[in-house]
Amino acid sequence: EDSEGNPLLDSEGRQRTSAKLMDTKRLLGCKTQEDVDVFFSLK
């Protein structure tokens, strides 16, 4: 996604994707939905 949240497309119009590492141990430690929301808002 670009800085405005729009999907990036390749030369054939397909959405580009990329792998992103995630701290799954920290995610599994979230006890509330608010904790999860905070987890995903961090970049």
PDB file of N, CA and C in Angstrom:
ATOM      1  N   GLU A   1       0.835  -1.179   0.000  1.00  0.00           N
ATOM      2  CA  GLU A   1       0.000   0.000   0.000  1.00  0.00           C
ATOM      3  C   GLU A   1       0.878   1.241   0.000  1.00  0.00           C
ATOM      4  N   ASP A   2       0.338   2.289  -0.614  1.00  0.00           N
ATOM      5  CA  ASP A   2       1.063   3.554  -0.566  1.00  0.00           C
ATOM      6  C   ASP A   2       0.743   4.270   0.743  1.00  0.00           C
ATOM      7  N   SER A   3       1.248   5.473   0.904  1.00  0.00           N
ATOM      8  CA  SER A   3       1.071   6.199   2.168  1.00  0.00           C
ATOM      9  C   SER A   3      -0.381   6.570   2.447  1.00  0.00           C
ATOM     10  N   GLU A   4      -1.243   6.509   1.421  1.00  0.00           N
ATOM     11  CA  GLU A   4      -2.666   6.823   1.596  1.00  0.00           C
ATOM     12  C   GLU A   4      -3.514   5.567   1.768  1.00  0.00           C
ATOM     13  N   GLY A   5      -2.873   4.394   1.801  1.00  0.00           N
ATOM     14  CA  GLY A   5      -3.600   3.144   2.000  1.00  0.00           C
ATOM     15  C   GLY A   5      -4.121   2.503   0.729  1.00  0.00           C
ATOM     16  N   ASN A   6      -3.752   3.045  -0.425  1.00  0.00           N
ATOM     17  CA  ASN A   6      -4.196   2.482  -1.701  1.00  0.00           C
ATOM     18  C   ASN A   6      -3.310   1.306  -2.090  1.00  0.00           C
ATOM     19  N   PRO A   7      -3.899   0.239  -2.659  1.00  0.00           N
ATOM     20  CA  PRO A   7      -3.076  -0.910  -3.060  1.00  0.00           C
ATOM     21  C   PRO A   7      -2.125  -0.544  -4.196  1.00  0.00           C
ATOM     22  N   LEU A   8      -0.925  -1.119  -4.164  1.00  0.00           N
ATOM     23  CA  LEU A   8       0.045  -0.926  -5.241  1.00  0.00           C
ATOM     24  C   LEU A   8      -0.168  -2.019  -6.273  1.00  0.00           C
ATOM     25  N   LEU A   9      -0.122  -1.658  -7.546  1.00  0.00           N
ATOM     26  CA  LEU A   9      -0.361  -2.608  -8.622  1.00  0.00           C
ATOM     27  C   LEU A   9       0.899  -2.786  -9.452  1.00  0.00           C
ATOM     28  N   ASP A  10       1.085  -4.010  -9.992  1.00  0.00           N
ATOM     29  CA  ASP A  10       2.221  -4.250 -10.874  1.00  0.00           C
ATOM     30  C   ASP A  10       1.855  -3.810 -12.284  1.00  0.00           C
ATOM     31  N   SER A  11       2.746  -4.037 -13.235  1.00  0.00           N
ATOM     32  CA  SER A  11       2.530  -3.574 -14.607  1.00  0.00           C
ATOM     33  C   SER A  11       1.344  -4.246 -15.289  1.00  0.00           C
ATOM     34  N   GLU A  12       0.874  -5.378 -14.745  1.00  0.00           N
ATOM     35  CA  GLU A  12      -0.272  -6.082 -15.323  1.00  0.00           C
ATOM     36  C   GLU A  12      -1.557  -5.826 -14.538  1.00  0.00           C
ATOM     37  N   GLY A  13      -1.516  -4.905 -13.586  1.00  0.00           N
ATOM     38  CA  GLY A  13      -2.704  -4.534 -12.833  1.00  0.00           C
ATOM     39  C   GLY A  13      -3.023  -5.418 -11.639  1.00  0.00           C
ATOM     40  N   ARG A  14      -2.127  -6.354 -11.326  1.00  0.00           N
ATOM     41  CA  ARG A  14      -2.339  -7.218 -10.156  1.00  0.00           C
ATOM     42  C   ARG A  14      -1.797  -6.529  -8.915  1.00  0.00           C
ATOM     43  N   GLN A  15      -2.472  -6.756  -7.783  1.00  0.00           N
ATOM     44  CA  GLN A  15      -2.025  -6.143  -6.539  1.00  0.00           C
ATOM     45  C   GLN A  15      -0.698  -6.747  -6.105  1.00  0.00           C
ATOM     46  N   ARG A  16       0.249  -5.876  -5.777  1.00  0.00           N
ATOM     47  CA  ARG A  16       1.554  -6.328  -5.296  1.00  0.00           C
ATOM     48  C   ARG A  16       1.441  -6.713  -3.833  1.00  0.00           C
ATOM     49  N   THR A  17       2.167  -7.746  -3.458  1.00  0.00           N
ATOM     50  CA  THR A  17       2.185  -8.195  -2.070  1.00  0.00           C
ATOM     51  C   THR A  17       3.629  -8.314  -1.611  1.00  0.00           C
ATOM     52  N   SER A  18       3.809  -8.329  -0.305  1.00  0.00           N
ATOM     53  CA  SER A  18       5.144  -8.546   0.245  1.00  0.00           C
ATOM     54  C   SER A  18       5.006  -9.236   1.596  1.00  0.00           C
ATOM     55  N   ALA A  19       6.020  -9.994   1.935  1.00  0.00           N
ATOM     56  CA  ALA A  19       6.027 -10.679   3.228  1.00  0.00           C
ATOM     57  C   ALA A  19       6.359  -9.672   4.322  1.00  0.00           C
ATOM     58  N   LYS A  20       5.744  -9.852   5.470  1.00  0.00           N
ATOM     59  CA  LYS A  20       6.008  -8.970   6.599  1.00  0.00           C
ATOM     60  C   LYS A  20       6.150  -9.840   7.843  1.00  0.00           C
ATOM     61  N   LEU A  21       7.293  -9.716   8.509  1.00  0.00           N
ATOM     62  CA  LEU A  21       7.504 -10.494   9.726  1.00  0.00           C
ATOM     63  C   LEU A  21       6.657  -9.927  10.859  1.00  0.00           C
ATOM     64  N   MET A  22       6.186 -10.823  11.717  1.00  0.00           N
ATOM     65  CA  MET A  22       5.296 -10.427  12.798  1.00  0.00           C
ATOM     66  C   MET A  22       5.744 -11.103  14.091  1.00  0.00           C
ATOM     67  N   ASP A  23       5.658 -10.385  15.186  1.00  0.00           N
ATOM     68  CA  ASP A  23       6.006 -10.923  16.499  1.00  0.00           C
ATOM     69  C   ASP A  23       4.810 -11.727  17.015  1.00  0.00           C
ATOM     70  N   THR A  24       4.703 -12.988  16.588  1.00  0.00           N
ATOM     71  CA  THR A  24       3.535 -13.801  16.935  1.00  0.00           C
ATOM     72  C   THR A  24       3.436 -14.060  18.436  1.00  0.00           C
ATOM     73  N   LYS A  25       4.571 -14.150  19.117  1.00  0.00           N
ATOM     74  CA  LYS A  25       4.528 -14.369  20.564  1.00  0.00           C
ATOM     75  C   LYS A  25       3.850 -13.186  21.249  1.00  0.00           C
ATOM     76  N   ARG A  26       4.186 -11.988  20.817  1.00  0.00           N
ATOM     77  CA  ARG A  26       3.557 -10.794  21.385  1.00  0.00           C
ATOM     78  C   ARG A  26       2.079 -10.734  21.015  1.00  0.00           C
ATOM     79  N   LEU A  27       1.748 -11.088  19.777  1.00  0.00           N
ATOM     80  CA  LEU A  27       0.349 -11.092  19.350  1.00  0.00           C
ATOM     81  C   LEU A  27      -0.468 -12.078  20.177  1.00  0.00           C
ATOM     82  N   LEU A  28       0.065 -13.272  20.388  1.00  0.00           N
ATOM     83  CA  LEU A  28      -0.649 -14.273  21.183  1.00  0.00           C
ATOM     84  C   LEU A  28      -0.782 -13.855  22.645  1.00  0.00           C
ATOM     85  N   GLY A  29       0.076 -12.955  23.090  1.00  0.00           N
ATOM     86  CA  GLY A  29       0.002 -12.460  24.455  1.00  0.00           C
ATOM     87  C   GLY A  29      -1.061 -11.391  24.664  1.00  0.00           C
ATOM     88  N   CYS A  30      -1.673 -10.920  23.576  1.00  0.00           N
ATOM     89  CA  CYS A  30      -2.724  -9.908  23.697  1.00  0.00           C
ATOM     90  C   CYS A  30      -3.926 -10.511  24.415  1.00  0.00           C
ATOM     91  N   LYS A  31      -4.418  -9.800  25.418  1.00  0.00           N
ATOM     92  CA  LYS A  31      -5.535 -10.310  26.221  1.00  0.00           C
ATOM     93  C   LYS A  31      -6.869  -9.667  25.844  1.00  0.00           C
ATOM     94  N   THR A  32      -6.834  -8.507  25.201  1.00  0.00           N
ATOM     95  CA  THR A  32      -8.065  -7.813  24.836  1.00  0.00           C
ATOM     96  C   THR A  32      -8.012  -7.401  23.371  1.00  0.00           C
ATOM     97  N   GLN A  33      -9.176  -7.057  22.823  1.00  0.00           N
ATOM     98  CA  GLN A  33      -9.221  -6.562  21.448  1.00  0.00           C
ATOM     99  C   GLN A  33      -8.424  -5.267  21.331  1.00  0.00           C
ATOM    100  N   GLU A  34      -8.437  -4.464  22.383  1.00  0.00           N
ATOM    101  CA  GLU A  34      -7.665  -3.221  22.377  1.00  0.00           C
ATOM    102  C   GLU A  34      -6.170  -3.512  22.241  1.00  0.00           C
ATOM    103  N   ASP A  35      -5.681  -4.541  22.934  1.00  0.00           N
ATOM    104  CA  ASP A  35      -4.276  -4.947  22.812  1.00  0.00           C
ATOM    105  C   ASP A  35      -3.955  -5.324  21.367  1.00  0.00           C
ATOM    106  N   VAL A  36      -4.865  -6.064  20.733  1.00  0.00           N
ATOM    107  CA  VAL A  36      -4.664  -6.485  19.340  1.00  0.00           C
ATOM    108  C   VAL A  36      -4.654  -5.264  18.425  1.00  0.00           C
ATOM    109  N   ASP A  37      -5.585  -4.337  18.647  1.00  0.00           N
ATOM    110  CA  ASP A  37      -5.637  -3.122  17.830  1.00  0.00           C
ATOM    111  C   ASP A  37      -4.345  -2.327  17.945  1.00  0.00           C
ATOM    112  N   VAL A  38      -3.814  -2.214  19.165  1.00  0.00           N
ATOM    113  CA  VAL A  38      -2.552  -1.498  19.378  1.00  0.00           C
ATOM    114  C   VAL A  38      -1.417  -2.236  18.672  1.00  0.00           C
ATOM    115  N   PHE A  39      -1.405  -3.560  18.769  1.00  0.00           N
ATOM    116  CA  PHE A  39      -0.371  -4.365  18.123  1.00  0.00           C
ATOM    117  C   PHE A  39      -0.321  -4.072  16.621  1.00  0.00           C
ATOM    118  N   PHE A  40      -1.485  -4.074  15.964  1.00  0.00           N
ATOM    119  CA  PHE A  40      -1.503  -3.878  14.520  1.00  0.00           C
ATOM    120  C   PHE A  40      -1.332  -2.425  14.107  1.00  0.00           C
ATOM    121  N   SER A  41      -1.499  -1.482  15.029  1.00  0.00           N
ATOM    122  CA  SER A  41      -1.306  -0.078  14.669  1.00  0.00           C
ATOM    123  C   SER A  41       0.171   0.300  14.701  1.00  0.00           C
ATOM    124  N   LEU A  42       1.010  -0.521  15.354  1.00  0.00           N
ATOM    125  CA  LEU A  42       2.449  -0.257  15.395  1.00  0.00           C
ATOM    126  C   LEU A  42       3.069  -0.640  14.068  1.00  0.00           C
ATOM    127  N   LYS A  43       4.039   0.133  13.628  1.00  0.00           N
ATOM    128  CA  LYS A  43       4.667  -0.163  12.337  1.00  0.00           C
ATOM    129  C   LYS A  43       6.113  -0.495  12.515  1.00  0.00           C
TER     130      LYS A  43
END
